[in-house]
């Protein structure tokens, strides 16, 4: 398969929002230069499979990018083969730590570990959620903070499977991961197998919680604000009393609307974090 690469040069403070435009369009994302200072520019790359009406998707990205940055942006388009994509990921994706004990690494990297490290091997491919985006990392931190061994966890919109793997590493007795994107399901299964967790994590296609009916102790949903709001009634029905909803993927301007909807659906806010204008919320079912 051939892929179209979409490169855009933007001020560093827009890097996360621009990345999210790619994520929402179903594209993989790569930052060519880490956003170490708000005074520099960075190049953000998206990768789009040349299948279906991908040209229309490119035009949608162009419009949303302009709305995000506040002006027209120049998109540089190129073509690569599958093999080139794999090489590109290997060059840019390095091990990193999240929270106190979580260590995320690609399978091809060797790292020095501490005795209590929980290793997550991840080759994210084209799926969203490799742990480097603030909203993914904060959901991982909340799982580390609130998950207790033996809990049942639902991961809604699993993407690469990183949150499901995190939950299992932290001692969840059962983890069920769902995504509506077949490519994400495939990538998640590969990553779960890479970590030797096929017996602990079940993953499959699904629209939110429509195929999950047993009571859960924690539901984690690293998705968009509008989808979190749509999820709330189902989450309330699936959680045990006192169960937790960890919701991420919420841009700061939409956080108030999500909090209002959570309160309306019977959730009480117990934790909230804002990193680079991306908000993650923990709500308890009352």
C-alpha atoms as a PDB file:
ATOM      1  CA  UNK A   1       0.000   0.000   0.000  1.00  0.00           C
ATOM      2  CA  UNK A   2       1.093   3.564  -0.695  1.00  0.00           C
ATOM      3  CA  UNK A   3       0.676   6.421   1.772  1.00  0.00           C
ATOM      4  CA  UNK A   4       0.449  10.179   1.416  1.00  0.00           C
ATOM      5  CA  UNK A   5       2.524  12.131   3.924  1.00  0.00           C
ATOM      6  CA  UNK A   6       1.171  15.529   4.918  1.00  0.00           C
ATOM      7  CA  UNK A   7       3.730  17.863   6.487  1.00  0.00           C
ATOM      8  CA  UNK A   8       2.952  21.234   8.038  1.00  0.00           C
ATOM      9  CA  UNK A   9       5.247  23.713   9.799  1.00  0.00           C
ATOM     10  CA  UNK A  10       3.545  25.486  12.709  1.00  0.00           C
ATOM     11  CA  UNK A  11       4.471  27.333  15.912  1.00  0.00           C
ATOM     12  CA  UNK A  12       5.206  24.856  18.700  1.00  0.00           C
ATOM     13  CA  UNK A  13       2.212  25.997  20.769  1.00  0.00           C
ATOM     14  CA  UNK A  14      -0.083  24.687  18.002  1.00  0.00           C
ATOM     15  CA  UNK A  15       1.622  21.285  17.714  1.00  0.00           C
ATOM     16  CA  UNK A  16      -0.849  19.373  19.905  1.00  0.00           C
ATOM     17  CA  UNK A  17      -3.933  20.903  18.300  1.00  0.00           C
ATOM     18  CA  UNK A  18      -2.552  20.262  14.807  1.00  0.00           C
ATOM     19  CA  UNK A  19      -1.720  16.679  15.798  1.00  0.00           C
ATOM     20  CA  UNK A  20      -5.313  16.249  16.919  1.00  0.00           C
ATOM     21  CA  UNK A  21      -6.564  17.340  13.494  1.00  0.00           C
ATOM     22  CA  UNK A  22      -4.557  14.467  12.021  1.00  0.00           C
ATOM     23  CA  UNK A  23      -5.764  12.047  14.702  1.00  0.00           C
ATOM     24  CA  UNK A  24      -9.412  12.892  14.065  1.00  0.00           C
ATOM     25  CA  UNK A  25      -8.894  12.349  10.337  1.00  0.00           C
ATOM     26  CA  UNK A  26      -7.633   8.817  11.004  1.00  0.00           C
ATOM     27  CA  UNK A  27      -3.998   9.648  10.347  1.00  0.00           C
ATOM     28  CA  UNK A  28      -0.877   8.576  12.167  1.00  0.00           C
ATOM     29  CA  UNK A  29       1.173  11.495  13.471  1.00  0.00           C
ATOM     30  CA  UNK A  30       4.856  12.234  13.860  1.00  0.00           C
ATOM     31  CA  UNK A  31       6.614  15.290  15.282  1.00  0.00           C
ATOM     32  CA  UNK A  32       9.884  15.791  13.424  1.00  0.00           C
ATOM     33  CA  UNK A  33      11.176  18.126  16.125  1.00  0.00           C
ATOM     34  CA  UNK A  34      10.158  17.978  19.807  1.00  0.00           C
ATOM     35  CA  UNK A  35       8.291  21.058  20.949  1.00  0.00           C
ATOM     36  CA  UNK A  36      10.860  22.107  23.561  1.00  0.00           C
ATOM     37  CA  UNK A  37      10.014  25.805  23.494  1.00  0.00           C
ATOM     38  CA  UNK A  38       7.024  27.873  22.529  1.00  0.00           C
ATOM     39  CA  UNK A  39       9.374  30.209  20.669  1.00  0.00           C
ATOM     40  CA  UNK A  40      10.223  27.718  17.905  1.00  0.00           C
ATOM     41  CA  UNK A  41       8.374  26.081  15.055  1.00  0.00           C
ATOM     42  CA  UNK A  42       7.872  22.353  14.636  1.00  0.00           C
ATOM     43  CA  UNK A  43       7.016  20.116  11.711  1.00  0.00           C
ATOM     44  CA  UNK A  44       4.031  17.840  12.214  1.00  0.00           C
ATOM     45  CA  UNK A  45       3.547  14.961   9.778  1.00  0.00           C
ATOM     46  CA  UNK A  46       0.438  12.963   9.099  1.00  0.00           C
ATOM     47  CA  UNK A  47       0.266   9.647   7.246  1.00  0.00           C
ATOM     48  CA  UNK A  48      -2.829   8.817   5.210  1.00  0.00           C
ATOM     49  CA  UNK A  49      -3.452   5.561   3.349  1.00  0.00           C
ATOM     50  CA  UNK A  50      -4.209   6.052  -0.347  1.00  0.00           C
ATOM     51  CA  UNK A  51      -7.534   4.269  -0.260  1.00  0.00           C
ATOM     52  CA  UNK A  52     -11.128   5.387  -0.581  1.00  0.00           C
ATOM     53  CA  UNK A  53     -11.740   9.120  -0.893  1.00  0.00           C
ATOM     54  CA  UNK A  54      -8.472  10.099   0.760  1.00  0.00           C
ATOM     55  CA  UNK A  55      -8.186  13.278  -1.352  1.00  0.00           C
ATOM     56  CA  UNK A  56     -11.350  14.575   0.279  1.00  0.00           C
ATOM     57  CA  UNK A  57      -9.836  13.757   3.665  1.00  0.00           C
ATOM     58  CA  UNK A  58      -6.793  15.849   2.758  1.00  0.00           C
ATOM     59  CA  UNK A  59      -9.033  18.810   1.944  1.00  0.00           C
ATOM     60  CA  UNK A  60     -10.856  18.371   5.261  1.00  0.00           C
ATOM     61  CA  UNK A  61      -7.496  18.384   7.044  1.00  0.00           C
ATOM     62  CA  UNK A  62      -6.532  21.552   5.180  1.00  0.00           C
ATOM     63  CA  UNK A  63      -9.697  23.375   6.285  1.00  0.00           C
ATOM     64  CA  UNK A  64      -9.506  22.217   9.897  1.00  0.00           C
ATOM     65  CA  UNK A  65      -5.809  23.072  10.055  1.00  0.00           C
ATOM     66  CA  UNK A  66      -6.541  26.648   8.974  1.00  0.00           C
ATOM     67  CA  UNK A  67      -9.285  26.927  11.598  1.00  0.00           C
ATOM     68  CA  UNK A  68      -6.967  25.555  14.279  1.00  0.00           C
ATOM     69  CA  UNK A  69      -3.972  27.771  13.515  1.00  0.00           C
ATOM     70  CA  UNK A  70      -6.052  30.820  12.632  1.00  0.00           C
ATOM     71  CA  UNK A  71      -4.692  31.258   9.125  1.00  0.00           C
ATOM     72  CA  UNK A  72      -4.049  29.338   5.937  1.00  0.00           C
ATOM     73  CA  UNK A  73      -1.203  26.832   6.217  1.00  0.00           C
ATOM     74  CA  UNK A  74       0.955  25.247   3.562  1.00  0.00           C
ATOM     75  CA  UNK A  75       0.577  21.475   3.435  1.00  0.00           C
ATOM     76  CA  UNK A  76       3.485  19.625   1.849  1.00  0.00           C
ATOM     77  CA  UNK A  77       2.332  16.341   0.302  1.00  0.00           C
ATOM     78  CA  UNK A  78       4.515  13.367  -0.592  1.00  0.00           C
ATOM     79  CA  UNK A  79       4.170   9.626  -1.162  1.00  0.00           C
ATOM     80  CA  UNK A  80       5.840   6.721   0.638  1.00  0.00           C
ATOM     81  CA  UNK A  81       5.624   2.933   0.721  1.00  0.00           C
ATOM     82  CA  UNK A  82       4.798   0.857   3.812  1.00  0.00           C
ATOM     83  CA  UNK A  83       8.473   0.131   4.385  1.00  0.00           C
ATOM     84  CA  UNK A  84       9.326   3.843   4.490  1.00  0.00           C
ATOM     85  CA  UNK A  85       6.644   4.410   7.130  1.00  0.00           C
ATOM     86  CA  UNK A  86       8.151   1.728   9.367  1.00  0.00           C
ATOM     87  CA  UNK A  87      11.615   3.297   9.083  1.00  0.00           C
ATOM     88  CA  UNK A  88      10.171   6.715   9.900  1.00  0.00           C
ATOM     89  CA  UNK A  89       8.587   5.445  13.131  1.00  0.00           C
ATOM     90  CA  UNK A  90      11.829   3.804  14.219  1.00  0.00           C
ATOM     91  CA  UNK A  91      13.664   7.094  13.850  1.00  0.00           C
ATOM     92  CA  UNK A  92      11.194   9.153  15.877  1.00  0.00           C
ATOM     93  CA  UNK A  93       9.682   6.877  18.531  1.00  0.00           C
ATOM     94  CA  UNK A  94      11.913   6.487  21.602  1.00  0.00           C
ATOM     95  CA  UNK A  95      11.382   5.041  25.120  1.00  0.00           C
ATOM     96  CA  UNK A  96       9.827   7.349  27.705  1.00  0.00           C
ATOM     97  CA  UNK A  97       8.424   7.221  31.236  1.00  0.00           C
ATOM     98  CA  UNK A  98       4.896   8.028  32.387  1.00  0.00           C
ATOM     99  CA  UNK A  99       3.896   8.424  36.018  1.00  0.00           C
ATOM    100  CA  UNK A 100       5.935   6.632  38.686  1.00  0.00           C
ATOM    101  CA  UNK A 101       6.419   3.162  37.231  1.00  0.00           C
ATOM    102  CA  UNK A 102       5.271   3.047  33.624  1.00  0.00           C
ATOM    103  CA  UNK A 103       7.981   2.714  30.979  1.00  0.00           C
ATOM    104  CA  UNK A 104       6.867   2.761  27.345  1.00  0.00           C
ATOM    105  CA  UNK A 105       9.274   1.453  24.726  1.00  0.00           C
ATOM    106  CA  UNK A 106       9.162   0.258  21.134  1.00  0.00           C
ATOM    107  CA  UNK A 107      10.091  -3.394  20.657  1.00  0.00           C
ATOM    108  CA  UNK A 108      13.312  -2.527  18.852  1.00  0.00           C
ATOM    109  CA  UNK A 109      14.778  -0.427  21.697  1.00  0.00           C
ATOM    110  CA  UNK A 110      16.818  -1.768  24.620  1.00  0.00           C
ATOM    111  CA  UNK A 111      16.515   0.259  27.842  1.00  0.00           C
ATOM    112  CA  UNK A 112      17.837   0.111  31.376  1.00  0.00           C
ATOM    113  CA  UNK A 113      14.993  -0.624  33.790  1.00  0.00           C
ATOM    114  CA  UNK A 114      14.375  -0.308  37.529  1.00  0.00           C
ATOM    115  CA  UNK A 115      13.072  -3.267  39.572  1.00  0.00           C
ATOM    116  CA  UNK A 116       9.532  -1.898  39.920  1.00  0.00           C
ATOM    117  CA  UNK A 117       9.165  -0.657  36.337  1.00  0.00           C
ATOM    118  CA  UNK A 118       6.074  -1.791  34.443  1.00  0.00           C
ATOM    119  CA  UNK A 119       7.178  -2.238  30.827  1.00  0.00           C
ATOM    120  CA  UNK A 120       4.805  -1.481  27.971  1.00  0.00           C
ATOM    121  CA  UNK A 121       6.174  -2.467  24.560  1.00  0.00           C
ATOM    122  CA  UNK A 122       4.394  -0.498  21.887  1.00  0.00           C
ATOM    123  CA  UNK A 123       4.729  -0.318  18.129  1.00  0.00           C
ATOM    124  CA  UNK A 124       1.822   2.044  17.459  1.00  0.00           C
ATOM    125  CA  UNK A 125       1.779   1.925  13.671  1.00  0.00           C
ATOM    126  CA  UNK A 126      -1.016   4.061  12.275  1.00  0.00           C
ATOM    127  CA  UNK A 127      -3.245   4.038  15.361  1.00  0.00           C
ATOM    128  CA  UNK A 128      -3.825   6.916  17.746  1.00  0.00           C
ATOM    129  CA  UNK A 129      -2.438   6.688  21.248  1.00  0.00           C
ATOM    130  CA  UNK A 130       1.292   5.985  21.455  1.00  0.00           C
ATOM    131  CA  UNK A 131       1.584   7.701  24.843  1.00  0.00           C
ATOM    132  CA  UNK A 132       3.403  10.829  23.733  1.00  0.00           C
ATOM    133  CA  UNK A 133       0.248  12.934  23.406  1.00  0.00           C
ATOM    134  CA  UNK A 134      -0.644  14.687  26.700  1.00  0.00           C
ATOM    135  CA  UNK A 135      -4.132  13.250  26.862  1.00  0.00           C
ATOM    136  CA  UNK A 136      -2.879   9.664  26.543  1.00  0.00           C
ATOM    137  CA  UNK A 137      -0.189  10.158  29.168  1.00  0.00           C
ATOM    138  CA  UNK A 138      -2.577  11.736  31.684  1.00  0.00           C
ATOM    139  CA  UNK A 139      -5.039   8.850  31.300  1.00  0.00           C
ATOM    140  CA  UNK A 140      -2.147   6.488  32.038  1.00  0.00           C
ATOM    141  CA  UNK A 141      -1.275   8.505  35.149  1.00  0.00           C
ATOM    142  CA  UNK A 142      -4.893   8.343  36.335  1.00  0.00           C
ATOM    143  CA  UNK A 143      -4.969   4.574  35.798  1.00  0.00           C
ATOM    144  CA  UNK A 144      -1.822   4.258  37.893  1.00  0.00           C
ATOM    145  CA  UNK A 145      -3.394   6.432  40.600  1.00  0.00           C
ATOM    146  CA  UNK A 146      -6.828   4.810  40.841  1.00  0.00           C
ATOM    147  CA  UNK A 147      -6.662   1.247  39.517  1.00  0.00           C
ATOM    148  CA  UNK A 148      -6.439  -1.499  42.134  1.00  0.00           C
ATOM    149  CA  UNK A 149      -5.496  -5.122  41.427  1.00  0.00           C
ATOM    150  CA  UNK A 150      -8.463  -7.290  40.568  1.00  0.00           C
ATOM    151  CA  UNK A 151     -10.564  -4.575  38.919  1.00  0.00           C
ATOM    152  CA  UNK A 152     -12.457  -4.971  35.636  1.00  0.00           C
ATOM    153  CA  UNK A 153     -11.578  -2.242  33.121  1.00  0.00           C
ATOM    154  CA  UNK A 154     -13.163  -1.156  29.830  1.00  0.00           C
ATOM    155  CA  UNK A 155     -10.988   0.782  27.365  1.00  0.00           C
ATOM    156  CA  UNK A 156     -13.236   2.623  24.908  1.00  0.00           C
ATOM    157  CA  UNK A 157     -11.592   3.782  21.680  1.00  0.00           C
ATOM    158  CA  UNK A 158      -8.489   1.737  22.401  1.00  0.00           C
ATOM    159  CA  UNK A 159      -6.384   2.973  19.453  1.00  0.00           C
ATOM    160  CA  UNK A 160      -2.967   1.381  19.859  1.00  0.00           C
ATOM    161  CA  UNK A 161      -4.112  -0.519  22.957  1.00  0.00           C
ATOM    162  CA  UNK A 162      -1.786   1.401  25.279  1.00  0.00           C
ATOM    163  CA  UNK A 163      -4.384   2.112  27.970  1.00  0.00           C
ATOM    164  CA  UNK A 164      -5.628  -1.482  27.977  1.00  0.00           C
ATOM    165  CA  UNK A 165      -2.046  -2.707  28.317  1.00  0.00           C
ATOM    166  CA  UNK A 166      -1.420  -0.154  31.079  1.00  0.00           C
ATOM    167  CA  UNK A 167      -4.466  -1.393  32.990  1.00  0.00           C
ATOM    168  CA  UNK A 168      -3.335  -4.992  32.707  1.00  0.00           C
ATOM    169  CA  UNK A 169       0.212  -4.152  33.802  1.00  0.00           C
ATOM    170  CA  UNK A 170      -1.244  -2.384  36.856  1.00  0.00           C
ATOM    171  CA  UNK A 171      -3.066  -5.543  37.933  1.00  0.00           C
ATOM    172  CA  UNK A 172      -6.548  -5.403  36.393  1.00  0.00           C
ATOM    173  CA  UNK A 173      -8.148  -8.855  36.510  1.00  0.00           C
ATOM    174  CA  UNK A 174      -9.935  -8.368  33.183  1.00  0.00           C
ATOM    175  CA  UNK A 175      -9.586  -5.739  30.479  1.00  0.00           C
ATOM    176  CA  UNK A 176     -11.915  -5.290  27.508  1.00  0.00           C
ATOM    177  CA  UNK A 177     -10.822  -2.936  24.719  1.00  0.00           C
ATOM    178  CA  UNK A 178     -13.014  -1.730  21.864  1.00  0.00           C
ATOM    179  CA  UNK A 179     -12.581   0.512  18.853  1.00  0.00           C
ATOM    180  CA  UNK A 180     -14.754   1.271  15.850  1.00  0.00           C
ATOM    181  CA  UNK A 181     -11.707   1.355  13.533  1.00  0.00           C
ATOM    182  CA  UNK A 182     -10.629  -2.089  12.214  1.00  0.00           C
ATOM    183  CA  UNK A 183      -7.050  -0.849  11.751  1.00  0.00           C
ATOM    184  CA  UNK A 184      -6.885   0.214  15.393  1.00  0.00           C
ATOM    185  CA  UNK A 185      -8.227  -3.167  16.498  1.00  0.00           C
ATOM    186  CA  UNK A 186      -5.542  -4.929  14.446  1.00  0.00           C
ATOM    187  CA  UNK A 187      -2.754  -2.734  15.821  1.00  0.00           C
ATOM    188  CA  UNK A 188      -4.047  -3.103  19.392  1.00  0.00           C
ATOM    189  CA  UNK A 189      -4.114  -6.896  19.059  1.00  0.00           C
ATOM    190  CA  UNK A 190      -0.548  -6.887  17.763  1.00  0.00           C
ATOM    191  CA  UNK A 191       0.635  -4.719  20.666  1.00  0.00           C
ATOM    192  CA  UNK A 192      -1.261  -6.807  23.218  1.00  0.00           C
ATOM    193  CA  UNK A 193       0.372  -9.952  21.805  1.00  0.00           C
ATOM    194  CA  UNK A 194       3.773  -8.237  21.847  1.00  0.00           C
ATOM    195  CA  UNK A 195       3.292  -7.747  25.597  1.00  0.00           C
ATOM    196  CA  UNK A 196       2.121 -11.334  26.145  1.00  0.00           C
ATOM    197  CA  UNK A 197      -1.295 -10.233  27.393  1.00  0.00           C
ATOM    198  CA  UNK A 198      -3.641 -12.038  25.006  1.00  0.00           C
ATOM    199  CA  UNK A 199      -5.172 -13.987  27.923  1.00  0.00           C
ATOM    200  CA  UNK A 200      -5.746 -10.857  30.033  1.00  0.00           C
ATOM    201  CA  UNK A 201      -7.093  -8.425  27.414  1.00  0.00           C
ATOM    202  CA  UNK A 202      -9.945  -8.965  24.984  1.00  0.00           C
ATOM    203  CA  UNK A 203     -10.133  -6.528  22.077  1.00  0.00           C
ATOM    204  CA  UNK A 204     -12.691  -6.147  19.314  1.00  0.00           C
ATOM    205  CA  UNK A 205     -14.761  -3.884  17.112  1.00  0.00           C
ATOM    206  CA  UNK A 206     -17.495  -1.912  18.811  1.00  0.00           C
ATOM    207  CA  UNK A 207     -19.319   1.389  19.020  1.00  0.00           C
ATOM    208  CA  UNK A 208     -18.559   2.693  22.506  1.00  0.00           C
ATOM    209  CA  UNK A 209     -20.009   0.194  25.020  1.00  0.00           C
ATOM    210  CA  UNK A 210     -22.657  -1.412  22.833  1.00  0.00           C
ATOM    211  CA  UNK A 211     -21.019  -4.871  23.098  1.00  0.00           C
ATOM    212  CA  UNK A 212     -19.928  -4.693  26.726  1.00  0.00           C
ATOM    213  CA  UNK A 213     -22.589  -5.402  29.325  1.00  0.00           C
ATOM    214  CA  UNK A 214     -20.934  -6.682  32.512  1.00  0.00           C
ATOM    215  CA  UNK A 215     -20.343  -4.193  35.349  1.00  0.00           C
ATOM    216  CA  UNK A 216     -16.939  -2.501  35.282  1.00  0.00           C
ATOM    217  CA  UNK A 217     -14.898  -0.847  38.014  1.00  0.00           C
ATOM    218  CA  UNK A 218     -13.189   1.608  35.651  1.00  0.00           C
ATOM    219  CA  UNK A 219     -14.033   2.845  32.179  1.00  0.00           C
ATOM    220  CA  UNK A 220     -11.276   4.768  30.421  1.00  0.00           C
ATOM    221  CA  UNK A 221     -12.154   6.683  27.262  1.00  0.00           C
ATOM    222  CA  UNK A 222      -9.423   8.692  25.571  1.00  0.00           C
ATOM    223  CA  UNK A 223     -11.633  10.075  22.844  1.00  0.00           C
ATOM    224  CA  UNK A 224     -13.118  13.434  21.854  1.00  0.00           C
ATOM    225  CA  UNK A 225     -15.253  15.634  24.101  1.00  0.00           C
ATOM    226  CA  UNK A 226     -18.387  15.133  22.020  1.00  0.00           C
ATOM    227  CA  UNK A 227     -17.958  11.353  22.115  1.00  0.00           C
ATOM    228  CA  UNK A 228     -17.315  11.395  25.875  1.00  0.00           C
ATOM    229  CA  UNK A 229     -20.657  13.153  26.327  1.00  0.00           C
ATOM    230  CA  UNK A 230     -22.376  10.542  24.146  1.00  0.00           C
ATOM    231  CA  UNK A 231     -20.718   7.795  26.190  1.00  0.00           C
ATOM    232  CA  UNK A 232     -21.874   9.063  29.607  1.00  0.00           C
ATOM    233  CA  UNK A 233     -25.317   7.371  29.864  1.00  0.00           C
ATOM    234  CA  UNK A 234     -23.826   4.021  28.829  1.00  0.00           C
ATOM    235  CA  UNK A 235     -20.894   4.450  31.218  1.00  0.00           C
ATOM    236  CA  UNK A 236     -23.301   5.159  34.076  1.00  0.00           C
ATOM    237  CA  UNK A 237     -25.226   1.989  33.245  1.00  0.00           C
ATOM    238  CA  UNK A 238     -22.090  -0.202  33.040  1.00  0.00           C
ATOM    239  CA  UNK A 239     -20.133   1.050  36.063  1.00  0.00           C
ATOM    240  CA  UNK A 240     -20.548  -0.434  39.532  1.00  0.00           C
ATOM    241  CA  UNK A 241     -21.607   2.047  42.254  1.00  0.00           C
ATOM    242  CA  UNK A 242     -18.493   4.045  43.066  1.00  0.00           C
ATOM    243  CA  UNK A 243     -16.945   3.070  39.737  1.00  0.00           C
ATOM    244  CA  UNK A 244     -14.729   5.539  37.907  1.00  0.00           C
ATOM    245  CA  UNK A 245     -14.854   7.077  34.455  1.00  0.00           C
ATOM    246  CA  UNK A 246     -11.493   8.355  33.206  1.00  0.00           C
ATOM    247  CA  UNK A 247     -12.181  10.631  30.240  1.00  0.00           C
ATOM    248  CA  UNK A 248      -9.464  12.142  28.073  1.00  0.00           C
ATOM    249  CA  UNK A 249      -9.096  13.744  24.666  1.00  0.00           C
ATOM    250  CA  UNK A 250     -10.932  16.868  25.828  1.00  0.00           C
ATOM    251  CA  UNK A 251      -9.684  20.199  24.537  1.00  0.00           C
ATOM    252  CA  UNK A 252      -9.666  22.856  27.269  1.00  0.00           C
ATOM    253  CA  UNK A 253     -12.478  25.003  25.771  1.00  0.00           C
ATOM    254  CA  UNK A 254     -14.820  21.980  25.841  1.00  0.00           C
ATOM    255  CA  UNK A 255     -14.027  20.822  29.372  1.00  0.00           C
ATOM    256  CA  UNK A 256     -16.812  22.813  31.038  1.00  0.00           C
ATOM    257  CA  UNK A 257     -19.399  21.215  28.755  1.00  0.00           C
ATOM    258  CA  UNK A 258     -18.121  17.740  29.569  1.00  0.00           C
ATOM    259  CA  UNK A 259     -18.165  18.456  33.317  1.00  0.00           C
ATOM    260  CA  UNK A 260     -21.724  19.753  33.091  1.00  0.00           C
ATOM    261  CA  UNK A 261     -22.814  16.639  31.177  1.00  0.00           C
ATOM    262  CA  UNK A 262     -21.056  14.372  33.691  1.00  0.00           C
ATOM    263  CA  UNK A 263     -22.896  16.003  36.578  1.00  0.00           C
ATOM    264  CA  UNK A 264     -26.187  15.677  34.708  1.00  0.00           C
ATOM    265  CA  UNK A 265     -25.566  11.956  34.157  1.00  0.00           C
ATOM    266  CA  UNK A 266     -24.779  11.218  37.800  1.00  0.00           C
ATOM    267  CA  UNK A 267     -20.994  11.588  37.931  1.00  0.00           C
ATOM    268  CA  UNK A 268     -19.071  13.603  40.495  1.00  0.00           C
ATOM    269  CA  UNK A 269     -15.709  15.060  39.506  1.00  0.00           C
ATOM    270  CA  UNK A 270     -12.902  13.671  41.674  1.00  0.00           C
ATOM    271  CA  UNK A 271      -9.828  14.624  39.636  1.00  0.00           C
ATOM    272  CA  UNK A 272      -8.905  16.808  36.701  1.00  0.00           C
ATOM    273  CA  UNK A 273      -5.667  17.705  34.945  1.00  0.00           C
ATOM    274  CA  UNK A 274      -4.862  20.145  32.143  1.00  0.00           C
ATOM    275  CA  UNK A 275      -1.667  19.643  30.173  1.00  0.00           C
ATOM    276  CA  UNK A 276      -1.005  21.896  27.189  1.00  0.00           C
ATOM    277  CA  UNK A 277      -4.729  22.729  26.978  1.00  0.00           C
ATOM    278  CA  UNK A 278      -5.722  19.051  26.916  1.00  0.00           C
ATOM    279  CA  UNK A 279      -7.972  18.036  29.801  1.00  0.00           C
ATOM    280  CA  UNK A 280      -8.515  14.628  31.380  1.00  0.00           C
ATOM    281  CA  UNK A 281     -11.220  14.124  33.998  1.00  0.00           C
ATOM    282  CA  UNK A 282     -11.975  11.421  36.546  1.00  0.00           C
ATOM    283  CA  UNK A 283     -15.601  11.103  37.593  1.00  0.00           C
ATOM    284  CA  UNK A 284     -17.129   8.733  40.148  1.00  0.00           C
ATOM    285  CA  UNK A 285     -20.563   7.190  39.698  1.00  0.00           C
ATOM    286  CA  UNK A 286     -22.835   8.209  42.552  1.00  0.00           C
END
